[in-house]
Amino acid sequence: MKKSGLLVLVVLVLLLSSNALQAQCSICTKTASQLGEGPAKALNSAIIYLAFAPLAIIGFIGFRWWKKEQTIIASEAQSNPHS
């Protein structure tokens, strides 16, 4: 399980560090195009950076919920083997 978590983390870091990743809404895109290439890349990186924390929290909560459901299902299967 730890290996798959590490693999997911590595893939996520690689995806977030991609230069082709665009996380701008239409208003931010228009503003960034007026700023020039350097500030536009910085703005895009900042948007991705700020979006990572809420997405990580949601992922963590979802993972904990999934693990708890798996333990509940396993305990129900052990207590009722004839079903």
PDB file of N, CA and C in Angstrom:
ATOM      1  N   MET A   1       0.820  -1.194   0.000  1.00  0.00           N
ATOM      2  CA  MET A   1       0.000   0.000   0.000  1.00  0.00           C
ATOM      3  C   MET A   1       0.863   1.256   0.000  1.00  0.00           C
ATOM      4  N   LYS A   2       1.991   1.214   0.720  1.00  0.00           N
ATOM      5  CA  LYS A   2       2.846   2.391   0.776  1.00  0.00           C
ATOM      6  C   LYS A   2       3.482   2.670  -0.575  1.00  0.00           C
ATOM      7  N   LYS A   3       3.787   1.612  -1.331  1.00  0.00           N
ATOM      8  CA  LYS A   3       4.387   1.804  -2.647  1.00  0.00           C
ATOM      9  C   LYS A   3       3.418   2.486  -3.594  1.00  0.00           C
ATOM     10  N   SER A   4       2.142   2.118  -3.544  1.00  0.00           N
ATOM     11  CA  SER A   4       1.169   2.753  -4.434  1.00  0.00           C
ATOM     12  C   SER A   4       0.944   4.208  -4.031  1.00  0.00           C
ATOM     13  N   GLY A   5       0.973   4.514  -2.745  1.00  0.00           N
ATOM     14  CA  GLY A   5       0.842   5.902  -2.301  1.00  0.00           C
ATOM     15  C   GLY A   5       2.010   6.745  -2.763  1.00  0.00           C
ATOM     16  N   LEU A   6       3.202   6.178  -2.698  1.00  0.00           N
ATOM     17  CA  LEU A   6       4.384   6.885  -3.165  1.00  0.00           C
ATOM     18  C   LEU A   6       4.323   7.091  -4.670  1.00  0.00           C
ATOM     19  N   LEU A   7       3.853   6.095  -5.391  1.00  0.00           N
ATOM     20  CA  LEU A   7       3.721   6.207  -6.836  1.00  0.00           C
ATOM     21  C   LEU A   7       2.732   7.318  -7.204  1.00  0.00           C
ATOM     22  N   VAL A   8       1.608   7.367  -6.504  1.00  0.00           N
ATOM     23  CA  VAL A   8       0.616   8.414  -6.755  1.00  0.00           C
ATOM     24  C   VAL A   8       1.224   9.786  -6.482  1.00  0.00           C
ATOM     25  N   LEU A   9       1.982   9.912  -5.407  1.00  0.00           N
ATOM     26  CA  LEU A   9       2.613  11.178  -5.068  1.00  0.00           C
ATOM     27  C   LEU A   9       3.609  11.612  -6.145  1.00  0.00           C
ATOM     28  N   VAL A  10       4.406  10.688  -6.630  1.00  0.00           N
ATOM     29  CA  VAL A  10       5.386  11.008  -7.665  1.00  0.00           C
ATOM     30  C   VAL A  10       4.681  11.444  -8.948  1.00  0.00           C
ATOM     31  N   VAL A  11       3.637  10.736  -9.335  1.00  0.00           N
ATOM     32  CA  VAL A  11       2.897  11.094 -10.542  1.00  0.00           C
ATOM     33  C   VAL A  11       2.263  12.469 -10.383  1.00  0.00           C
ATOM     34  N   LEU A  12       1.711  12.748  -9.213  1.00  0.00           N
ATOM     35  CA  LEU A  12       1.088  14.042  -8.966  1.00  0.00           C
ATOM     36  C   LEU A  12       2.111  15.171  -9.063  1.00  0.00           C
ATOM     37  N   VAL A  13       3.282  14.976  -8.482  1.00  0.00           N
ATOM     38  CA  VAL A  13       4.331  16.000  -8.550  1.00  0.00           C
ATOM     39  C   VAL A  13       4.771  16.223  -9.990  1.00  0.00           C
ATOM     40  N   LEU A  14       4.908  15.153 -10.750  1.00  0.00           N
ATOM     41  CA  LEU A  14       5.300  15.293 -12.152  1.00  0.00           C
ATOM     42  C   LEU A  14       4.243  16.031 -12.962  1.00  0.00           C
ATOM     43  N   LEU A  15       2.983  15.750 -12.687  1.00  0.00           N
ATOM     44  CA  LEU A  15       1.915  16.438 -13.400  1.00  0.00           C
ATOM     45  C   LEU A  15       1.859  17.915 -13.047  1.00  0.00           C
ATOM     46  N   LEU A  16       2.045  18.229 -11.766  1.00  0.00           N
ATOM     47  CA  LEU A  16       1.965  19.621 -11.337  1.00  0.00           C
ATOM     48  C   LEU A  16       3.162  20.434 -11.797  1.00  0.00           C
ATOM     49  N   SER A  17       4.277  19.790 -12.049  1.00  0.00           N
ATOM     50  CA  SER A  17       5.453  20.525 -12.485  1.00  0.00           C
ATOM     51  C   SER A  17       5.529  20.668 -14.000  1.00  0.00           C
ATOM     52  N   SER A  18       4.563  20.151 -14.693  1.00  0.00           N
ATOM     53  CA  SER A  18       4.549  20.213 -16.152  1.00  0.00           C
ATOM     54  C   SER A  18       4.382  21.658 -16.629  1.00  0.00           C
ATOM     55  N   ASN A  19       5.145  22.034 -17.642  1.00  0.00           N
ATOM     56  CA  ASN A  19       5.035  23.379 -18.196  1.00  0.00           C
ATOM     57  C   ASN A  19       3.753  23.563 -19.002  1.00  0.00           C
ATOM     58  N   ALA A  20       3.205  22.474 -19.495  1.00  0.00           N
ATOM     59  CA  ALA A  20       2.011  22.564 -20.332  1.00  0.00           C
ATOM     60  C   ALA A  20       0.736  22.677 -19.508  1.00  0.00           C
ATOM     61  N   LEU A  21       0.830  22.534 -18.201  1.00  0.00           N
ATOM     62  CA  LEU A  21      -0.350  22.566 -17.346  1.00  0.00           C
ATOM     63  C   LEU A  21      -0.903  23.985 -17.267  1.00  0.00           C
ATOM     64  N   GLN A  22      -2.161  24.150 -17.583  1.00  0.00           N
ATOM     65  CA  GLN A  22      -2.793  25.462 -17.553  1.00  0.00           C
ATOM     66  C   GLN A  22      -3.933  25.441 -16.546  1.00  0.00           C
ATOM     67  N   ALA A  23      -3.870  26.353 -15.565  1.00  0.00           N
ATOM     68  CA  ALA A  23      -4.895  26.374 -14.531  1.00  0.00           C
ATOM     69  C   ALA A  23      -5.558  27.741 -14.436  1.00  0.00           C
ATOM     70  N   GLN A  24      -5.622  28.455 -15.518  1.00  0.00           N
ATOM     71  CA  GLN A  24      -6.137  29.809 -15.470  1.00  0.00           C
ATOM     72  C   GLN A  24      -7.560  29.882 -15.989  1.00  0.00           C
ATOM     73  N   CYS A  25      -8.362  30.691 -15.305  1.00  0.00           N
ATOM     74  CA  CYS A  25      -9.698  30.974 -15.812  1.00  0.00           C
ATOM     75  C   CYS A  25      -9.566  32.006 -16.931  1.00  0.00           C
ATOM     76  N   SER A  26     -10.641  32.356 -17.553  1.00  0.00           N
ATOM     77  CA  SER A  26     -10.565  33.285 -18.685  1.00  0.00           C
ATOM     78  C   SER A  26     -10.101  34.673 -18.263  1.00  0.00           C
ATOM     79  N   ILE A  27     -10.495  35.112 -17.080  1.00  0.00           N
ATOM     80  CA  ILE A  27     -10.075  36.429 -16.605  1.00  0.00           C
ATOM     81  C   ILE A  27      -8.577  36.439 -16.321  1.00  0.00           C
ATOM     82  N   CYS A  28      -8.080  35.381 -15.667  1.00  0.00           N
ATOM     83  CA  CYS A  28      -6.650  35.296 -15.372  1.00  0.00           C
ATOM     84  C   CYS A  28      -5.839  35.170 -16.649  1.00  0.00           C
ATOM     85  N   THR A  29      -6.353  34.470 -17.641  1.00  0.00           N
ATOM     86  CA  THR A  29      -5.644  34.317 -18.907  1.00  0.00           C
ATOM     87  C   THR A  29      -5.502  35.665 -19.598  1.00  0.00           C
ATOM     88  N   LYS A  30      -6.571  36.442 -19.585  1.00  0.00           N
ATOM     89  CA  LYS A  30      -6.521  37.768 -20.226  1.00  0.00           C
ATOM     90  C   LYS A  30      -5.547  38.672 -19.484  1.00  0.00           C
ATOM     91  N   THR A  31      -5.566  38.643 -18.164  1.00  0.00           N
ATOM     92  CA  THR A  31      -4.645  39.454 -17.372  1.00  0.00           C
ATOM     93  C   THR A  31      -3.210  39.015 -17.613  1.00  0.00           C
ATOM     94  N   ALA A  32      -2.987  37.708 -17.640  1.00  0.00           N
ATOM     95  CA  ALA A  32      -1.634  37.185 -17.836  1.00  0.00           C
ATOM     96  C   ALA A  32      -1.101  37.532 -19.218  1.00  0.00           C
ATOM     97  N   SER A  33      -1.959  37.546 -20.220  1.00  0.00           N
ATOM     98  CA  SER A  33      -1.485  37.881 -21.568  1.00  0.00           C
ATOM     99  C   SER A  33      -1.047  39.330 -21.654  1.00  0.00           C
ATOM    100  N   GLN A  34      -1.605  40.185 -20.819  1.00  0.00           N
ATOM    101  CA  GLN A  34      -1.198  41.585 -20.798  1.00  0.00           C
ATOM    102  C   GLN A  34       0.101  41.781 -20.016  1.00  0.00           C
ATOM    103  N   LEU A  35       0.426  40.845 -19.120  1.00  0.00           N
ATOM    104  CA  LEU A  35       1.613  40.988 -18.282  1.00  0.00           C
ATOM    105  C   LEU A  35       2.895  40.588 -19.003  1.00  0.00           C
ATOM    106  N   GLY A  36       2.799  39.669 -19.912  1.00  0.00           N
ATOM    107  CA  GLY A  36       3.988  39.152 -20.581  1.00  0.00           C
ATOM    108  C   GLY A  36       4.205  37.700 -20.200  1.00  0.00           C
ATOM    109  N   GLU A  37       5.203  37.064 -20.812  1.00  0.00           N
ATOM    110  CA  GLU A  37       5.400  35.624 -20.627  1.00  0.00           C
ATOM    111  C   GLU A  37       5.873  35.236 -19.230  1.00  0.00           C
ATOM    112  N   GLY A  38       6.853  35.927 -18.690  1.00  0.00           N
ATOM    113  CA  GLY A  38       7.404  35.583 -17.362  1.00  0.00           C
ATOM    114  C   GLY A  38       6.367  35.685 -16.252  1.00  0.00           C
ATOM    115  N   PRO A  39       5.712  36.849 -16.117  1.00  0.00           N
ATOM    116  CA  PRO A  39       4.685  36.965 -15.078  1.00  0.00           C
ATOM    117  C   PRO A  39       3.492  36.035 -15.308  1.00  0.00           C
ATOM    118  N   ALA A  40       3.197  35.734 -16.564  1.00  0.00           N
ATOM    119  CA  ALA A  40       2.089  34.818 -16.851  1.00  0.00           C
ATOM    120  C   ALA A  40       2.398  33.420 -16.330  1.00  0.00           C
ATOM    121  N   LYS A  41       3.645  32.971 -16.518  1.00  0.00           N
ATOM    122  CA  LYS A  41       4.028  31.658 -15.983  1.00  0.00           C
ATOM    123  C   LYS A  41       3.996  31.660 -14.463  1.00  0.00           C
ATOM    124  N   ALA A  42       4.426  32.760 -13.858  1.00  0.00           N
ATOM    125  CA  ALA A  42       4.397  32.866 -12.401  1.00  0.00           C
ATOM    126  C   ALA A  42       2.959  32.850 -11.884  1.00  0.00           C
ATOM    127  N   LEU A  43       2.068  33.548 -12.579  1.00  0.00           N
ATOM    128  CA  LEU A  43       0.657  33.559 -12.183  1.00  0.00           C
ATOM    129  C   LEU A  43       0.058  32.166 -12.293  1.00  0.00           C
ATOM    130  N   ASN A  44       0.379  31.461 -13.359  1.00  0.00           N
ATOM    131  CA  ASN A  44      -0.125  30.102 -13.548  1.00  0.00           C
ATOM    132  C   ASN A  44       0.399  29.170 -12.447  1.00  0.00           C
ATOM    133  N   SER A  45       1.669  29.299 -12.115  1.00  0.00           N
ATOM    134  CA  SER A  45       2.249  28.473 -11.047  1.00  0.00           C
ATOM    135  C   SER A  45       1.608  28.785  -9.704  1.00  0.00           C
ATOM    136  N   ALA A  46       1.324  30.067  -9.456  1.00  0.00           N
ATOM    137  CA  ALA A  46       0.689  30.453  -8.195  1.00  0.00           C
ATOM    138  C   ALA A  46      -0.723  29.891  -8.095  1.00  0.00           C
ATOM    139  N   ILE A  47      -1.444  29.881  -9.199  1.00  0.00           N
ATOM    140  CA  ILE A  47      -2.806  29.323  -9.197  1.00  0.00           C
ATOM    141  C   ILE A  47      -2.758  27.832  -8.883  1.00  0.00           C
ATOM    142  N   ILE A  48      -1.826  27.129  -9.495  1.00  0.00           N
ATOM    143  CA  ILE A  48      -1.685  25.692  -9.239  1.00  0.00           C
ATOM    144  C   ILE A  48      -1.275  25.450  -7.786  1.00  0.00           C
ATOM    145  N   TYR A  49      -0.351  26.259  -7.287  1.00  0.00           N
ATOM    146  CA  TYR A  49       0.117  26.137  -5.905  1.00  0.00           C
ATOM    147  C   TYR A  49      -1.032  26.348  -4.923  1.00  0.00           C
ATOM    148  N   LEU A  50      -1.849  27.358  -5.151  1.00  0.00           N
ATOM    149  CA  LEU A  50      -2.970  27.641  -4.252  1.00  0.00           C
ATOM    150  C   LEU A  50      -4.074  26.589  -4.357  1.00  0.00           C
ATOM    151  N   ALA A  51      -4.223  25.963  -5.513  1.00  0.00           N
ATOM    152  CA  ALA A  51      -5.250  24.939  -5.683  1.00  0.00           C
ATOM    153  C   ALA A  51      -4.833  23.609  -5.077  1.00  0.00           C
ATOM    154  N   PHE A  52      -3.531  23.401  -4.870  1.00  0.00           N
ATOM    155  CA  PHE A  52      -3.055  22.110  -4.387  1.00  0.00           C
ATOM    156  C   PHE A  52      -3.524  21.812  -2.967  1.00  0.00           C
ATOM    157  N   ALA A  53      -3.492  22.783  -2.067  1.00  0.00           N
ATOM    158  CA  ALA A  53      -3.852  22.537  -0.660  1.00  0.00           C
ATOM    159  C   ALA A  53      -5.295  22.044  -0.499  1.00  0.00           C
ATOM    160  N   PRO A  54      -6.301  22.729  -1.062  1.00  0.00           N
ATOM    161  CA  PRO A  54      -7.665  22.210  -0.920  1.00  0.00           C
ATOM    162  C   PRO A  54      -7.855  20.839  -1.567  1.00  0.00           C
ATOM    163  N   LEU A  55      -7.215  20.627  -2.710  1.00  0.00           N
ATOM    164  CA  LEU A  55      -7.334  19.325  -3.367  1.00  0.00           C
ATOM    165  C   LEU A  55      -6.663  18.228  -2.547  1.00  0.00           C
ATOM    166  N   ALA A  56      -5.546  18.546  -1.912  1.00  0.00           N
ATOM    167  CA  ALA A  56      -4.874  17.564  -1.050  1.00  0.00           C
ATOM    168  C   ALA A  56      -5.730  17.242   0.163  1.00  0.00           C
ATOM    169  N   ILE A  57      -6.384  18.238   0.739  1.00  0.00           N
ATOM    170  CA  ILE A  57      -7.257  18.006   1.893  1.00  0.00           C
ATOM    171  C   ILE A  57      -8.438  17.130   1.493  1.00  0.00           C
ATOM    172  N   ILE A  58      -9.053  17.441   0.372  1.00  0.00           N
ATOM    173  CA  ILE A  58     -10.179  16.631  -0.104  1.00  0.00           C
ATOM    174  C   ILE A  58      -9.717  15.198  -0.387  1.00  0.00           C
ATOM    175  N   GLY A  59      -8.557  15.050  -0.989  1.00  0.00           N
ATOM    176  CA  GLY A  59      -8.025  13.713  -1.250  1.00  0.00           C
ATOM    177  C   GLY A  59      -7.752  12.941   0.023  1.00  0.00           C
ATOM    178  N   PHE A  60      -7.205  13.616   1.026  1.00  0.00           N
ATOM    179  CA  PHE A  60      -6.925  12.969   2.301  1.00  0.00           C
ATOM    180  C   PHE A  60      -8.214  12.514   2.983  1.00  0.00           C
ATOM    181  N   ILE A  61      -9.220  13.376   2.995  1.00  0.00           N
ATOM    182  CA  ILE A  61     -10.507  13.016   3.593  1.00  0.00           C
ATOM    183  C   ILE A  61     -11.135  11.849   2.835  1.00  0.00           C
ATOM    184  N   GLY A  62     -11.077  11.886   1.518  1.00  0.00           N
ATOM    185  CA  GLY A  62     -11.621  10.787   0.719  1.00  0.00           C
ATOM    186  C   GLY A  62     -10.892   9.486   0.968  1.00  0.00           C
ATOM    187  N   PHE A  63      -9.557   9.553   1.082  1.00  0.00           N
ATOM    188  CA  PHE A  63      -8.779   8.358   1.353  1.00  0.00           C
ATOM    189  C   PHE A  63      -9.121   7.791   2.721  1.00  0.00           C
ATOM    190  N   ARG A  64      -9.233   8.622   3.744  1.00  0.00           N
ATOM    191  CA  ARG A  64      -9.591   8.150   5.088  1.00  0.00           C
ATOM    192  C   ARG A  64     -10.986   7.526   5.093  1.00  0.00           C
ATOM    193  N   TRP A  65     -11.918   8.136   4.370  1.00  0.00           N
ATOM    194  CA  TRP A  65     -13.268   7.581   4.288  1.00  0.00           C
ATOM    195  C   TRP A  65     -13.229   6.210   3.619  1.00  0.00           C
ATOM    196  N   TRP A  66     -12.469   6.094   2.536  1.00  0.00           N
ATOM    197  CA  TRP A  66     -12.377   4.830   1.821  1.00  0.00           C
ATOM    198  C   TRP A  66     -11.773   3.748   2.702  1.00  0.00           C
ATOM    199  N   LYS A  67     -10.692   4.087   3.431  1.00  0.00           N
ATOM    200  CA  LYS A  67     -10.059   3.103   4.319  1.00  0.00           C
ATOM    201  C   LYS A  67     -11.031   2.656   5.413  1.00  0.00           C
ATOM    202  N   LYS A  68     -11.788   3.590   5.981  1.00  0.00           N
ATOM    203  CA  LYS A  68     -12.749   3.243   7.031  1.00  0.00           C
ATOM    204  C   LYS A  68     -13.848   2.332   6.474  1.00  0.00           C
ATOM    205  N   GLU A  69     -14.315   2.628   5.271  1.00  0.00           N
ATOM    206  CA  GLU A  69     -15.329   1.775   4.639  1.00  0.00           C
ATOM    207  C   GLU A  69     -14.788   0.372   4.389  1.00  0.00           C
ATOM    208  N   GLN A  70     -13.519   0.270   3.995  1.00  0.00           N
ATOM    209  CA  GLN A  70     -12.919  -1.043   3.764  1.00  0.00           C
ATOM    210  C   GLN A  70     -12.845  -1.849   5.055  1.00  0.00           C
ATOM    211  N   THR A  71     -12.515  -1.201   6.169  1.00  0.00           N
ATOM    212  CA  THR A  71     -12.460  -1.922   7.445  1.00  0.00           C
ATOM    213  C   THR A  71     -13.856  -2.333   7.901  1.00  0.00           C
ATOM    214  N   ILE A  72     -14.859  -1.486   7.651  1.00  0.00           N
ATOM    215  CA  ILE A  72     -16.243  -1.841   8.013  1.00  0.00           C
ATOM    216  C   ILE A  72     -16.708  -3.027   7.181  1.00  0.00           C
ATOM    217  N   ILE A  73     -16.432  -3.008   5.893  1.00  0.00           N
ATOM    218  CA  ILE A  73     -16.832  -4.119   5.020  1.00  0.00           C
ATOM    219  C   ILE A  73     -16.136  -5.399   5.424  1.00  0.00           C
ATOM    220  N   ALA A  74     -14.846  -5.314   5.778  1.00  0.00           N
ATOM    221  CA  ALA A  74     -14.094  -6.505   6.191  1.00  0.00           C
ATOM    222  C   ALA A  74     -14.617  -7.048   7.507  1.00  0.00           C
ATOM    223  N   SER A  75     -14.967  -6.177   8.460  1.00  0.00           N
ATOM    224  CA  SER A  75     -15.488  -6.647   9.739  1.00  0.00           C
ATOM    225  C   SER A  75     -16.876  -7.268   9.585  1.00  0.00           C
ATOM    226  N   GLU A  76     -17.691  -6.707   8.682  1.00  0.00           N
ATOM    227  CA  GLU A  76     -19.017  -7.291   8.424  1.00  0.00           C
ATOM    228  C   GLU A  76     -18.874  -8.655   7.761  1.00  0.00           C
ATOM    229  N   ALA A  77     -17.914  -8.808   6.887  1.00  0.00           N
ATOM    230  CA  ALA A  77     -17.698 -10.088   6.223  1.00  0.00           C
ATOM    231  C   ALA A  77     -17.218 -11.146   7.207  1.00  0.00           C
ATOM    232  N   GLN A  78     -16.423 -10.765   8.199  1.00  0.00           N
ATOM    233  CA  GLN A  78     -15.946 -11.703   9.201  1.00  0.00           C
ATOM    234  C   GLN A  78     -17.043 -12.087  10.182  1.00  0.00           C
ATOM    235  N   SER A  79     -17.903 -11.139  10.529  1.00  0.00           N
ATOM    236  CA  SER A  79     -18.950 -11.434  11.503  1.00  0.00           C
ATOM    237  C   SER A  79     -20.120 -12.204  10.877  1.00  0.00           C
ATOM    238  N   ASN A  80     -20.288 -12.142   9.570  1.00  0.00           N
ATOM    239  CA  ASN A  80     -21.377 -12.809   8.899  1.00  0.00           C
ATOM    240  C   ASN A  80     -20.840 -13.598   7.702  1.00  0.00           C
ATOM    241  N   PRO A  81     -20.180 -14.732   7.935  1.00  0.00           N
ATOM    242  CA  PRO A  81     -19.526 -15.464   6.835  1.00  0.00           C
ATOM    243  C   PRO A  81     -20.502 -16.184   5.902  1.00  0.00           C
ATOM    244  N   HIS A  82     -21.771 -16.380   6.270  1.00  0.00           N
ATOM    245  CA  HIS A  82     -22.715 -17.126   5.442  1.00  0.00           C
ATOM    246  C   HIS A  82     -23.409 -16.273   4.412  1.00  0.00           C
ATOM    247  N   SER A  83     -23.192 -14.990   4.377  1.00  0.00           N
ATOM    248  CA  SER A  83     -23.880 -14.114   3.419  1.00  0.00           C
ATOM    249  C   SER A  83     -23.243 -14.131   2.074  1.00  0.00           C
TER     250      SER A  83
END
